[in-house]
Amino acid sequence: MNDKIDGTVIDVRKATRWHIGAFLLPAFLVYSAVMILPLAETLRQSFYNDVDGALTFVGLANYKVLFGDARWSHDLWNAFRNNLVFFAIHMCVQNPIGIALAALLSTRKLRFAALYRTAIFLPALLSFVIVGFIWKLILSPIWGVAPYLLDLVELKWIFAPWLGRTDSALVALSLISVWQWIGVPMMLIYAALLSIPDEVIEAAECDGITGWSQFWKIKLPLVLPAIGIISVLTFVGNFNAFDLIYTAQGALAGPDGSTDILGTFLYRTFFGYQLQLGDRSMGATVATVMFLIILAGVSLYLFTIQRRLRRYQF
């Protein structure tokens, strides 16, 4: 396409933006190497098994064993139920407290807010291994400091070996995980609250809406998209969890499998543990089931919940 300006013909055809592809290519190659290709190989492996020493296509046979065999299905559903409890505790404890802390720290008159934010977010920077061993020592009934600290406030009677009991181990580990990661939703909501224009807050104050009433009626509706993203991140992170359970309770996720989640179940299935031999085909099958669960949860949010959230443009 040519344009004439002052008698001069100028070529205004759009130039090929090859440089965009050049910049994207390295990231695409790295992402494919560490994410796409392993995922595709895992999905492919779930349809194969070792038959007489040869890798043979078996279709859905591995899935039939996983869901149909009594031993496999028992361990799978036990891990899935525990994962749901793990996720529910994070959603009902971690995220609401994180939102409340963000609202509190975003108040203008709060002193030392930066210090509080740093202290709350600091555990998220620690390694899972460090967190697991520290809390295992703290809660130990033999040499832990928890009984002593509770005795100082005359509450030693409530102490119990929480990590060693089947009815409390999963809850205790979930709360430890909440302690470690509560700073993440706090910081995300805090950033969302700071992005609300001052004009909106001033208009609410002119109408007599202040304090927590202002948070519930003005601020909370404006940060609902951020809360939705946090919920998705919590779901994905919890159903990929492994490190904390493995560090604190080992690969068997004791006592008596009460803390076994899909991550530890996948580890034992793929790599084996003690008398259990590893099976890469069944491990790939478990990994595929985990991927489908996460995909279903994320899709549910993206195509149903997110579309109903009202977004405000400032």
C-alpha atoms as a PDB file:
ATOM      1  CA  MET A   1       0.000   0.000   0.000  1.00  0.00           C
ATOM      2  CA  ASN A   2       1.437   3.343  -1.075  1.00  0.00           C
ATOM      3  CA  ASP A   3       0.563   6.879   0.031  1.00  0.00           C
ATOM      4  CA  LYS A   4       1.574  10.094  -1.760  1.00  0.00           C
ATOM      5  CA  ILE A   5       2.683  13.028   0.374  1.00  0.00           C
ATOM      6  CA  ASP A   6       3.835  16.206  -1.378  1.00  0.00           C
ATOM      7  CA  GLY A   7       4.336  14.234  -4.551  1.00  0.00           C
ATOM      8  CA  THR A   8       6.514  11.612  -2.855  1.00  0.00           C
ATOM      9  CA  VAL A   9       5.382   7.988  -2.849  1.00  0.00           C
ATOM     10  CA  ILE A  10       5.850   6.358   0.543  1.00  0.00           C
ATOM     11  CA  ASP A  11       5.586   2.600   1.173  1.00  0.00           C
ATOM     12  CA  VAL A  12       3.505   2.111   4.338  1.00  0.00           C
ATOM     13  CA  ARG A  13       3.193  -1.658   4.288  1.00  0.00           C
ATOM     14  CA  LYS A  14       3.492  -3.226   7.693  1.00  0.00           C
ATOM     15  CA  ALA A  15       6.937  -4.592   8.338  1.00  0.00           C
ATOM     16  CA  THR A  16       7.259  -8.210   9.354  1.00  0.00           C
ATOM     17  CA  ARG A  17       7.807  -8.251  13.102  1.00  0.00           C
ATOM     18  CA  TRP A  18      10.248 -11.156  13.086  1.00  0.00           C
ATOM     19  CA  HIS A  19      12.015  -9.796  16.171  1.00  0.00           C
ATOM     20  CA  ILE A  20       8.996 -10.725  18.331  1.00  0.00           C
ATOM     21  CA  GLY A  21       9.464 -14.382  17.434  1.00  0.00           C
ATOM     22  CA  ALA A  22      13.200 -14.103  18.030  1.00  0.00           C
ATOM     23  CA  PHE A  23      12.619 -12.845  21.567  1.00  0.00           C
ATOM     24  CA  LEU A  24       9.900 -15.424  22.315  1.00  0.00           C
ATOM     25  CA  LEU A  25      11.791 -18.408  20.898  1.00  0.00           C
ATOM     26  CA  PRO A  26      14.242 -18.955  23.819  1.00  0.00           C
ATOM     27  CA  ALA A  27      11.452 -18.772  26.401  1.00  0.00           C
ATOM     28  CA  PHE A  28       9.296 -21.104  24.302  1.00  0.00           C
ATOM     29  CA  LEU A  29      12.108 -23.641  23.972  1.00  0.00           C
ATOM     30  CA  VAL A  30      12.885 -23.589  27.697  1.00  0.00           C
ATOM     31  CA  TYR A  31       9.196 -23.851  28.646  1.00  0.00           C
ATOM     32  CA  SER A  32       8.706 -26.720  26.197  1.00  0.00           C
ATOM     33  CA  ALA A  33      11.752 -28.555  27.523  1.00  0.00           C
ATOM     34  CA  VAL A  34      10.788 -28.329  31.203  1.00  0.00           C
ATOM     35  CA  MET A  35       6.977 -28.332  30.989  1.00  0.00           C
ATOM     36  CA  ILE A  36       5.341 -29.319  27.688  1.00  0.00           C
ATOM     37  CA  LEU A  37       7.531 -32.283  26.753  1.00  0.00           C
ATOM     38  CA  PRO A  38       7.554 -33.879  30.256  1.00  0.00           C
ATOM     39  CA  LEU A  39       3.777 -33.452  30.474  1.00  0.00           C
ATOM     40  CA  ALA A  40       3.262 -35.027  27.047  1.00  0.00           C
ATOM     41  CA  GLU A  41       5.588 -37.920  27.947  1.00  0.00           C
ATOM     42  CA  THR A  42       3.753 -38.471  31.239  1.00  0.00           C
ATOM     43  CA  LEU A  43       0.405 -38.613  29.449  1.00  0.00           C
ATOM     44  CA  ARG A  44       1.845 -41.046  26.883  1.00  0.00           C
ATOM     45  CA  GLN A  45       3.463 -43.218  29.554  1.00  0.00           C
ATOM     46  CA  SER A  46       0.125 -43.691  31.330  1.00  0.00           C
ATOM     47  CA  PHE A  47      -1.126 -45.707  28.323  1.00  0.00           C
ATOM     48  CA  TYR A  48       1.850 -48.075  28.350  1.00  0.00           C
ATOM     49  CA  ASN A  49       3.116 -50.763  30.707  1.00  0.00           C
ATOM     50  CA  ASP A  50       5.928 -53.259  30.997  1.00  0.00           C
ATOM     51  CA  VAL A  51       4.805 -56.585  29.524  1.00  0.00           C
ATOM     52  CA  ASP A  52       7.436 -59.345  29.472  1.00  0.00           C
ATOM     53  CA  GLY A  53      10.214 -56.780  29.631  1.00  0.00           C
ATOM     54  CA  ALA A  54       8.878 -54.693  26.751  1.00  0.00           C
ATOM     55  CA  LEU A  55       7.005 -51.409  26.914  1.00  0.00           C
ATOM     56  CA  THR A  56       3.586 -52.213  25.464  1.00  0.00           C
ATOM     57  CA  PHE A  57       0.548 -50.090  24.719  1.00  0.00           C
ATOM     58  CA  VAL A  58      -2.230 -51.165  27.111  1.00  0.00           C
ATOM     59  CA  GLY A  59      -4.800 -48.417  26.574  1.00  0.00           C
ATOM     60  CA  LEU A  60      -6.809 -47.637  29.712  1.00  0.00           C
ATOM     61  CA  ALA A  61      -5.644 -50.744  31.576  1.00  0.00           C
ATOM     62  CA  ASN A  62      -3.559 -48.722  34.031  1.00  0.00           C
ATOM     63  CA  TYR A  63      -6.570 -46.559  34.861  1.00  0.00           C
ATOM     64  CA  LYS A  64      -8.710 -49.663  35.374  1.00  0.00           C
ATOM     65  CA  VAL A  65      -6.147 -50.967  37.855  1.00  0.00           C
ATOM     66  CA  LEU A  66      -5.898 -47.608  39.628  1.00  0.00           C
ATOM     67  CA  PHE A  67      -9.653 -47.233  40.082  1.00  0.00           C
ATOM     68  CA  GLY A  68     -10.701 -50.878  40.051  1.00  0.00           C
ATOM     69  CA  ASP A  69      -8.117 -52.718  42.144  1.00  0.00           C
ATOM     70  CA  ALA A  70      -9.034 -52.617  45.838  1.00  0.00           C
ATOM     71  CA  ARG A  71      -5.537 -51.777  47.081  1.00  0.00           C
ATOM     72  CA  TRP A  72      -4.835 -49.088  44.502  1.00  0.00           C
ATOM     73  CA  SER A  73      -8.250 -47.462  44.737  1.00  0.00           C
ATOM     74  CA  HIS A  74      -8.136 -47.408  48.556  1.00  0.00           C
ATOM     75  CA  ASP A  75      -4.824 -45.540  48.574  1.00  0.00           C
ATOM     76  CA  LEU A  76      -5.944 -43.205  45.787  1.00  0.00           C
ATOM     77  CA  TRP A  77      -9.232 -42.177  47.417  1.00  0.00           C
ATOM     78  CA  ASN A  78      -7.584 -41.863  50.820  1.00  0.00           C
ATOM     79  CA  ALA A  79      -4.995 -39.481  49.356  1.00  0.00           C
ATOM     80  CA  PHE A  80      -7.695 -37.557  47.486  1.00  0.00           C
ATOM     81  CA  ARG A  81      -9.831 -37.126  50.630  1.00  0.00           C
ATOM     82  CA  ASN A  82      -6.822 -35.941  52.605  1.00  0.00           C
ATOM     83  CA  ASN A  83      -5.962 -33.508  49.813  1.00  0.00           C
ATOM     84  CA  LEU A  84      -9.480 -32.074  49.958  1.00  0.00           C
ATOM     85  CA  VAL A  85      -9.134 -31.554  53.724  1.00  0.00           C
ATOM     86  CA  PHE A  86      -5.692 -29.984  53.187  1.00  0.00           C
ATOM     87  CA  PHE A  87      -7.158 -27.602  50.595  1.00  0.00           C
ATOM     88  CA  ALA A  88     -10.268 -26.793  52.660  1.00  0.00           C
ATOM     89  CA  ILE A  89      -8.184 -25.770  55.681  1.00  0.00           C
ATOM     90  CA  HIS A  90      -6.114 -23.444  53.534  1.00  0.00           C
ATOM     91  CA  MET A  91      -9.198 -21.902  51.958  1.00  0.00           C
ATOM     92  CA  CYS A  92     -11.038 -21.484  55.262  1.00  0.00           C
ATOM     93  CA  VAL A  93      -8.089 -20.420  57.434  1.00  0.00           C
ATOM     94  CA  GLN A  94      -5.201 -19.112  55.356  1.00  0.00           C
ATOM     95  CA  ASN A  95      -7.031 -16.960  52.824  1.00  0.00           C
ATOM     96  CA  PRO A  96      -9.557 -15.261  55.175  1.00  0.00           C
ATOM     97  CA  ILE A  97      -6.802 -14.444  57.690  1.00  0.00           C
ATOM     98  CA  GLY A  98      -4.574 -13.221  54.853  1.00  0.00           C
ATOM     99  CA  ILE A  99      -7.358 -10.922  53.626  1.00  0.00           C
ATOM    100  CA  ALA A 100      -7.970  -9.606  57.156  1.00  0.00           C
ATOM    101  CA  LEU A 101      -4.249  -8.943  57.671  1.00  0.00           C
ATOM    102  CA  ALA A 102      -4.042  -7.131  54.332  1.00  0.00           C
ATOM    103  CA  ALA A 103      -7.007  -4.949  55.272  1.00  0.00           C
ATOM    104  CA  LEU A 104      -5.447  -4.175  58.640  1.00  0.00           C
ATOM    105  CA  LEU A 105      -2.012  -3.390  57.217  1.00  0.00           C
ATOM    106  CA  SER A 106      -3.473  -1.131  54.529  1.00  0.00           C
ATOM    107  CA  THR A 107      -4.915   1.281  57.086  1.00  0.00           C
ATOM    108  CA  ARG A 108      -3.191   4.645  56.892  1.00  0.00           C
ATOM    109  CA  LYS A 109      -2.645   5.214  60.597  1.00  0.00           C
ATOM    110  CA  LEU A 110      -1.002   1.872  61.389  1.00  0.00           C
ATOM    111  CA  ARG A 111       2.563   2.283  62.617  1.00  0.00           C
ATOM    112  CA  PHE A 112       5.374  -0.150  61.685  1.00  0.00           C
ATOM    113  CA  ALA A 113       3.232  -1.639  58.900  1.00  0.00           C
ATOM    114  CA  ALA A 114       6.318  -2.465  56.823  1.00  0.00           C
ATOM    115  CA  LEU A 115       7.819  -4.393  59.752  1.00  0.00           C
ATOM    116  CA  TYR A 116       4.624  -6.399  60.222  1.00  0.00           C
ATOM    117  CA  ARG A 117       4.419  -7.220  56.505  1.00  0.00           C
ATOM    118  CA  THR A 118       8.006  -8.415  56.467  1.00  0.00           C
ATOM    119  CA  ALA A 119       7.565 -10.571  59.567  1.00  0.00           C
ATOM    120  CA  ILE A 120       4.390 -12.200  58.246  1.00  0.00           C
ATOM    121  CA  PHE A 121       5.823 -12.835  54.772  1.00  0.00           C
ATOM    122  CA  LEU A 122       9.200 -14.105  55.999  1.00  0.00           C
ATOM    123  CA  PRO A 123       8.157 -17.782  56.518  1.00  0.00           C
ATOM    124  CA  ALA A 124       7.240 -18.010  52.823  1.00  0.00           C
ATOM    125  CA  LEU A 125      10.926 -17.527  52.017  1.00  0.00           C
ATOM    126  CA  LEU A 126      11.965 -20.555  54.075  1.00  0.00           C
ATOM    127  CA  SER A 127      12.572 -23.986  52.583  1.00  0.00           C
ATOM    128  CA  PHE A 128       9.959 -26.712  53.068  1.00  0.00           C
ATOM    129  CA  VAL A 129      12.663 -28.868  54.613  1.00  0.00           C
ATOM    130  CA  ILE A 130      13.533 -26.219  57.191  1.00  0.00           C
ATOM    131  CA  VAL A 131       9.884 -25.582  58.052  1.00  0.00           C
ATOM    132  CA  GLY A 132       9.120 -29.289  58.362  1.00  0.00           C
ATOM    133  CA  PHE A 133      12.048 -30.073  60.665  1.00  0.00           C
ATOM    134  CA  ILE A 134      11.579 -26.958  62.795  1.00  0.00           C
ATOM    135  CA  TRP A 135       7.923 -27.685  63.490  1.00  0.00           C
ATOM    136  CA  LYS A 136       8.631 -31.354  64.030  1.00  0.00           C
ATOM    137  CA  LEU A 137      11.078 -30.338  66.756  1.00  0.00           C
ATOM    138  CA  ILE A 138       8.733 -27.715  68.214  1.00  0.00           C
ATOM    139  CA  LEU A 139       5.814 -30.157  68.488  1.00  0.00           C
ATOM    140  CA  SER A 140       7.868 -33.083  69.740  1.00  0.00           C
ATOM    141  CA  PRO A 141       6.500 -34.360  73.100  1.00  0.00           C
ATOM    142  CA  ILE A 142      10.039 -35.337  74.156  1.00  0.00           C
ATOM    143  CA  TRP A 143      12.277 -32.356  73.389  1.00  0.00           C
ATOM    144  CA  GLY A 144       9.893 -29.855  71.813  1.00  0.00           C
ATOM    145  CA  VAL A 145       9.299 -26.383  73.230  1.00  0.00           C
ATOM    146  CA  ALA A 146       5.539 -26.433  72.648  1.00  0.00           C
ATOM    147  CA  PRO A 147       4.717 -28.145  75.990  1.00  0.00           C
ATOM    148  CA  TYR A 148       6.927 -25.656  77.853  1.00  0.00           C
ATOM    149  CA  LEU A 149       5.384 -22.621  76.140  1.00  0.00           C
ATOM    150  CA  LEU A 150       1.869 -23.874  76.801  1.00  0.00           C
ATOM    151  CA  ASP A 151       2.795 -24.513  80.426  1.00  0.00           C
ATOM    152  CA  LEU A 152       3.805 -20.844  80.788  1.00  0.00           C
ATOM    153  CA  VAL A 153       0.215 -19.814  80.068  1.00  0.00           C
ATOM    154  CA  GLU A 154      -1.241 -22.761  82.000  1.00  0.00           C
ATOM    155  CA  LEU A 155      -2.493 -24.505  78.861  1.00  0.00           C
ATOM    156  CA  LYS A 156      -0.225 -27.539  78.894  1.00  0.00           C
ATOM    157  CA  TRP A 157      -3.272 -29.756  79.333  1.00  0.00           C
ATOM    158  CA  ILE A 158      -4.263 -29.158  75.698  1.00  0.00           C
ATOM    159  CA  PHE A 159      -0.928 -30.390  74.363  1.00  0.00           C
ATOM    160  CA  ALA A 160      -0.855 -33.744  72.601  1.00  0.00           C
ATOM    161  CA  PRO A 161       1.490 -35.443  70.133  1.00  0.00           C
ATOM    162  CA  TRP A 162      -0.503 -33.948  67.269  1.00  0.00           C
ATOM    163  CA  LEU A 163       1.828 -35.188  64.532  1.00  0.00           C
ATOM    164  CA  GLY A 164       1.663 -38.723  65.902  1.00  0.00           C
ATOM    165  CA  ARG A 165      -2.116 -39.107  66.051  1.00  0.00           C
ATOM    166  CA  THR A 166      -4.233 -40.138  63.088  1.00  0.00           C
ATOM    167  CA  ASP A 167      -7.038 -37.747  64.000  1.00  0.00           C
ATOM    168  CA  SER A 168      -4.881 -34.622  64.246  1.00  0.00           C
ATOM    169  CA  ALA A 169      -1.735 -35.095  62.121  1.00  0.00           C
ATOM    170  CA  LEU A 170      -3.257 -33.820  58.875  1.00  0.00           C
ATOM    171  CA  VAL A 171      -4.820 -30.785  60.550  1.00  0.00           C
ATOM    172  CA  ALA A 172      -1.534 -29.968  62.307  1.00  0.00           C
ATOM    173  CA  LEU A 173       0.432 -30.149  59.050  1.00  0.00           C
ATOM    174  CA  SER A 174      -2.200 -28.062  57.266  1.00  0.00           C
ATOM    175  CA  LEU A 175      -1.917 -25.350  59.915  1.00  0.00           C
ATOM    176  CA  ILE A 176       1.878 -25.448  59.633  1.00  0.00           C
ATOM    177  CA  SER A 177       1.504 -24.909  55.888  1.00  0.00           C
ATOM    178  CA  VAL A 178      -0.924 -22.064  56.580  1.00  0.00           C
ATOM    179  CA  TRP A 179       1.656 -20.457  58.882  1.00  0.00           C
ATOM    180  CA  GLN A 180       4.264 -20.679  56.147  1.00  0.00           C
ATOM    181  CA  TRP A 181       2.193 -19.369  53.242  1.00  0.00           C
ATOM    182  CA  ILE A 182      -0.230 -16.894  54.828  1.00  0.00           C
ATOM    183  CA  GLY A 183       2.011 -14.039  53.711  1.00  0.00           C
ATOM    184  CA  VAL A 184       1.331 -14.729  50.025  1.00  0.00           C
ATOM    185  CA  PRO A 185      -2.433 -13.981  49.995  1.00  0.00           C
ATOM    186  CA  MET A 186      -1.791 -11.123  52.414  1.00  0.00           C
ATOM    187  CA  MET A 187       0.653  -9.438  50.014  1.00  0.00           C
ATOM    188  CA  LEU A 188      -1.515 -10.012  46.935  1.00  0.00           C
ATOM    189  CA  ILE A 189      -4.612  -8.568  48.591  1.00  0.00           C
ATOM    190  CA  TYR A 190      -2.536  -5.764  50.077  1.00  0.00           C
ATOM    191  CA  ALA A 191      -1.344  -4.819  46.580  1.00  0.00           C
ATOM    192  CA  ALA A 192      -4.920  -4.964  45.272  1.00  0.00           C
ATOM    193  CA  LEU A 193      -6.129  -2.708  48.092  1.00  0.00           C
ATOM    194  CA  LEU A 194      -3.395  -0.162  47.373  1.00  0.00           C
ATOM    195  CA  SER A 195      -4.471  -0.036  43.710  1.00  0.00           C
ATOM    196  CA  ILE A 196      -7.914   1.318  44.664  1.00  0.00           C
ATOM    197  CA  PRO A 197      -7.929   5.036  43.728  1.00  0.00           C
ATOM    198  CA  ASP A 198      -8.022   7.555  46.556  1.00  0.00           C
ATOM    199  CA  GLU A 199     -11.034   9.189  44.911  1.00  0.00           C
ATOM    200  CA  VAL A 200     -13.130   6.094  45.580  1.00  0.00           C
ATOM    201  CA  ILE A 201     -12.121   6.002  49.240  1.00  0.00           C
ATOM    202  CA  GLU A 202     -12.697   9.731  49.662  1.00  0.00           C
ATOM    203  CA  ALA A 203     -16.143   9.461  48.096  1.00  0.00           C
ATOM    204  CA  ALA A 204     -17.023   6.655  50.498  1.00  0.00           C
ATOM    205  CA  GLU A 205     -15.828   8.728  53.453  1.00  0.00           C
ATOM    206  CA  CYS A 206     -17.951  11.659  52.290  1.00  0.00           C
ATOM    207  CA  ASP A 207     -20.947   9.311  52.401  1.00  0.00           C
ATOM    208  CA  GLY A 208     -20.053   8.339  55.971  1.00  0.00           C
ATOM    209  CA  ILE A 209     -18.670   4.873  55.099  1.00  0.00           C
ATOM    210  CA  THR A 210     -15.518   4.322  57.156  1.00  0.00           C
ATOM    211  CA  GLY A 211     -13.643   1.588  59.030  1.00  0.00           C
ATOM    212  CA  TRP A 212     -14.605  -2.024  58.495  1.00  0.00           C
ATOM    213  CA  SER A 213     -17.893  -0.954  56.913  1.00  0.00           C
ATOM    214  CA  GLN A 214     -15.852   0.668  54.175  1.00  0.00           C
ATOM    215  CA  PHE A 215     -13.879  -2.550  53.702  1.00  0.00           C
ATOM    216  CA  TRP A 216     -16.960  -4.757  53.368  1.00  0.00           C
ATOM    217  CA  LYS A 217     -18.974  -2.402  51.153  1.00  0.00           C
ATOM    218  CA  ILE A 218     -16.306  -0.730  49.017  1.00  0.00           C
ATOM    219  CA  LYS A 219     -12.916  -2.424  49.122  1.00  0.00           C
ATOM    220  CA  LEU A 220     -13.876  -6.101  49.228  1.00  0.00           C
ATOM    221  CA  PRO A 221     -15.996  -6.012  46.021  1.00  0.00           C
ATOM    222  CA  LEU A 222     -13.125  -4.275  44.246  1.00  0.00           C
ATOM    223  CA  VAL A 223     -10.574  -6.955  45.175  1.00  0.00           C
ATOM    224  CA  LEU A 224     -12.756  -9.988  44.430  1.00  0.00           C
ATOM    225  CA  PRO A 225     -10.832 -10.768  41.194  1.00  0.00           C
ATOM    226  CA  ALA A 226      -7.611 -10.895  43.230  1.00  0.00           C
ATOM    227  CA  ILE A 227      -9.273 -13.194  45.767  1.00  0.00           C
ATOM    228  CA  GLY A 228     -10.323 -15.446  42.888  1.00  0.00           C
ATOM    229  CA  ILE A 229      -6.740 -15.674  41.625  1.00  0.00           C
ATOM    230  CA  ILE A 230      -5.529 -16.458  45.141  1.00  0.00           C
ATOM    231  CA  SER A 231      -8.107 -19.255  45.415  1.00  0.00           C
ATOM    232  CA  VAL A 232      -6.867 -20.786  42.152  1.00  0.00           C
ATOM    233  CA  LEU A 233      -3.246 -20.565  43.271  1.00  0.00           C
ATOM    234  CA  THR A 234      -4.188 -22.176  46.578  1.00  0.00           C
ATOM    235  CA  PHE A 235      -5.984 -25.012  44.785  1.00  0.00           C
ATOM    236  CA  VAL A 236      -3.097 -25.693  42.410  1.00  0.00           C
ATOM    237  CA  GLY A 237      -0.481 -25.447  45.151  1.00  0.00           C
ATOM    238  CA  ASN A 238      -2.340 -27.723  47.565  1.00  0.00           C
ATOM    239  CA  PHE A 239      -2.996 -30.448  45.003  1.00  0.00           C
ATOM    240  CA  ASN A 240       0.676 -30.324  44.021  1.00  0.00           C
ATOM    241  CA  ALA A 241       1.850 -30.364  47.644  1.00  0.00           C
ATOM    242  CA  PHE A 242       4.488 -32.886  48.643  1.00  0.00           C
ATOM    243  CA  ASP A 243       7.535 -31.385  50.357  1.00  0.00           C
ATOM    244  CA  LEU A 244       6.103 -30.546  53.772  1.00  0.00           C
ATOM    245  CA  ILE A 245       4.355 -33.905  54.219  1.00  0.00           C
ATOM    246  CA  TYR A 246       7.445 -35.794  53.082  1.00  0.00           C
ATOM    247  CA  THR A 247       9.748 -33.810  55.370  1.00  0.00           C
ATOM    248  CA  ALA A 248       7.602 -34.108  58.472  1.00  0.00           C
ATOM    249  CA  GLN A 249       6.034 -37.556  58.042  1.00  0.00           C
ATOM    250  CA  GLY A 250       8.146 -39.371  55.466  1.00  0.00           C
ATOM    251  CA  ALA A 251       7.098 -41.057  52.228  1.00  0.00           C
ATOM    252  CA  LEU A 252       4.580 -43.275  54.045  1.00  0.00           C
ATOM    253  CA  ALA A 253       2.774 -40.121  55.241  1.00  0.00           C
ATOM    254  CA  GLY A 254       1.979 -41.573  58.640  1.00  0.00           C
ATOM    255  CA  PRO A 255       0.621 -42.296  61.039  1.00  0.00           C
ATOM    256  CA  ASP A 256      -1.261 -45.042  59.195  1.00  0.00           C
ATOM    257  CA  GLY A 257      -1.551 -42.994  55.999  1.00  0.00           C
ATOM    258  CA  SER A 258      -3.557 -40.257  57.710  1.00  0.00           C
ATOM    259  CA  THR A 259      -1.463 -37.505  56.075  1.00  0.00           C
ATOM    260  CA  ASP A 260      -1.100 -39.195  52.699  1.00  0.00           C
ATOM    261  CA  ILE A 261      -1.948 -36.820  49.858  1.00  0.00           C
ATOM    262  CA  LEU A 262      -1.728 -37.203  46.094  1.00  0.00           C
ATOM    263  CA  GLY A 263       1.870 -35.945  46.000  1.00  0.00           C
ATOM    264  CA  THR A 264       3.197 -38.536  48.442  1.00  0.00           C
ATOM    265  CA  PHE A 265       1.046 -41.244  46.848  1.00  0.00           C
ATOM    266  CA  LEU A 266       2.608 -40.369  43.471  1.00  0.00           C
ATOM    267  CA  TYR A 267       6.117 -40.483  44.968  1.00  0.00           C
ATOM    268  CA  ARG A 268       5.658 -43.980  46.417  1.00  0.00           C
ATOM    269  CA  THR A 269       4.021 -45.226  43.242  1.00  0.00           C
ATOM    270  CA  PHE A 270       6.667 -43.928  40.849  1.00  0.00           C
ATOM    271  CA  PHE A 271       9.882 -44.354  42.856  1.00  0.00           C
ATOM    272  CA  GLY A 272       8.844 -47.046  45.329  1.00  0.00           C
ATOM    273  CA  TYR A 273       9.523 -47.077  49.043  1.00  0.00           C
ATOM    274  CA  GLN A 274      10.815 -49.815  51.354  1.00  0.00           C
ATOM    275  CA  LEU A 275       9.113 -53.039  50.203  1.00  0.00           C
ATOM    276  CA  GLN A 276       7.027 -51.315  47.524  1.00  0.00           C
ATOM    277  CA  LEU A 277       8.675 -51.364  44.095  1.00  0.00           C
ATOM    278  CA  GLY A 278       8.436 -48.348  41.851  1.00  0.00           C
ATOM    279  CA  ASP A 279       6.198 -48.532  38.785  1.00  0.00           C
ATOM    280  CA  ARG A 280       6.728 -45.737  36.288  1.00  0.00           C
ATOM    281  CA  SER A 281       3.606 -46.577  34.283  1.00  0.00           C
ATOM    282  CA  MET A 282       1.316 -46.468  37.317  1.00  0.00           C
ATOM    283  CA  GLY A 283       3.198 -43.398  38.529  1.00  0.00           C
ATOM    284  CA  ALA A 284       2.472 -41.673  35.220  1.00  0.00           C
ATOM    285  CA  THR A 285      -1.174 -42.715  35.589  1.00  0.00           C
ATOM    286  CA  VAL A 286      -1.400 -41.144  39.053  1.00  0.00           C
ATOM    287  CA  ALA A 287       0.324 -37.999  37.741  1.00  0.00           C
ATOM    288  CA  THR A 288      -2.187 -37.799  34.895  1.00  0.00           C
ATOM    289  CA  VAL A 289      -5.094 -38.084  37.328  1.00  0.00           C
ATOM    290  CA  MET A 290      -3.580 -35.273  39.397  1.00  0.00           C
ATOM    291  CA  PHE A 291      -3.208 -33.164  36.253  1.00  0.00           C
ATOM    292  CA  LEU A 292      -6.845 -33.750  35.287  1.00  0.00           C
ATOM    293  CA  ILE A 293      -8.049 -32.831  38.793  1.00  0.00           C
ATOM    294  CA  ILE A 294      -6.097 -29.572  38.714  1.00  0.00           C
ATOM    295  CA  LEU A 295      -7.207 -28.858  35.142  1.00  0.00           C
ATOM    296  CA  ALA A 296     -10.851 -29.416  36.107  1.00  0.00           C
ATOM    297  CA  GLY A 297     -10.579 -27.099  39.116  1.00  0.00           C
ATOM    298  CA  VAL A 298      -8.873 -24.314  37.175  1.00  0.00           C
ATOM    299  CA  SER A 299     -11.315 -24.653  34.255  1.00  0.00           C
ATOM    300  CA  LEU A 300     -14.254 -24.459  36.649  1.00  0.00           C
ATOM    301  CA  TYR A 301     -12.948 -21.138  37.914  1.00  0.00           C
ATOM    302  CA  LEU A 302     -12.017 -19.688  34.514  1.00  0.00           C
ATOM    303  CA  PHE A 303     -15.240 -20.563  32.705  1.00  0.00           C
ATOM    304  CA  THR A 304     -17.784 -20.130  35.489  1.00  0.00           C
ATOM    305  CA  ILE A 305     -16.697 -18.131  38.524  1.00  0.00           C
ATOM    306  CA  GLN A 306     -14.367 -15.638  36.823  1.00  0.00           C
ATOM    307  CA  ARG A 307     -17.002 -14.658  34.273  1.00  0.00           C
ATOM    308  CA  ARG A 308     -19.374 -13.677  37.065  1.00  0.00           C
ATOM    309  CA  LEU A 309     -16.883 -11.425  38.817  1.00  0.00           C
ATOM    310  CA  ARG A 310     -17.463  -7.786  38.081  1.00  0.00           C
ATOM    311  CA  ARG A 311     -14.290  -5.982  37.151  1.00  0.00           C
ATOM    312  CA  TYR A 312     -13.905  -2.264  37.721  1.00  0.00           C
ATOM    313  CA  GLN A 313     -11.775  -0.078  35.479  1.00  0.00           C
ATOM    314  CA  PHE A 314     -10.283   3.075  36.973  1.00  0.00           C
END
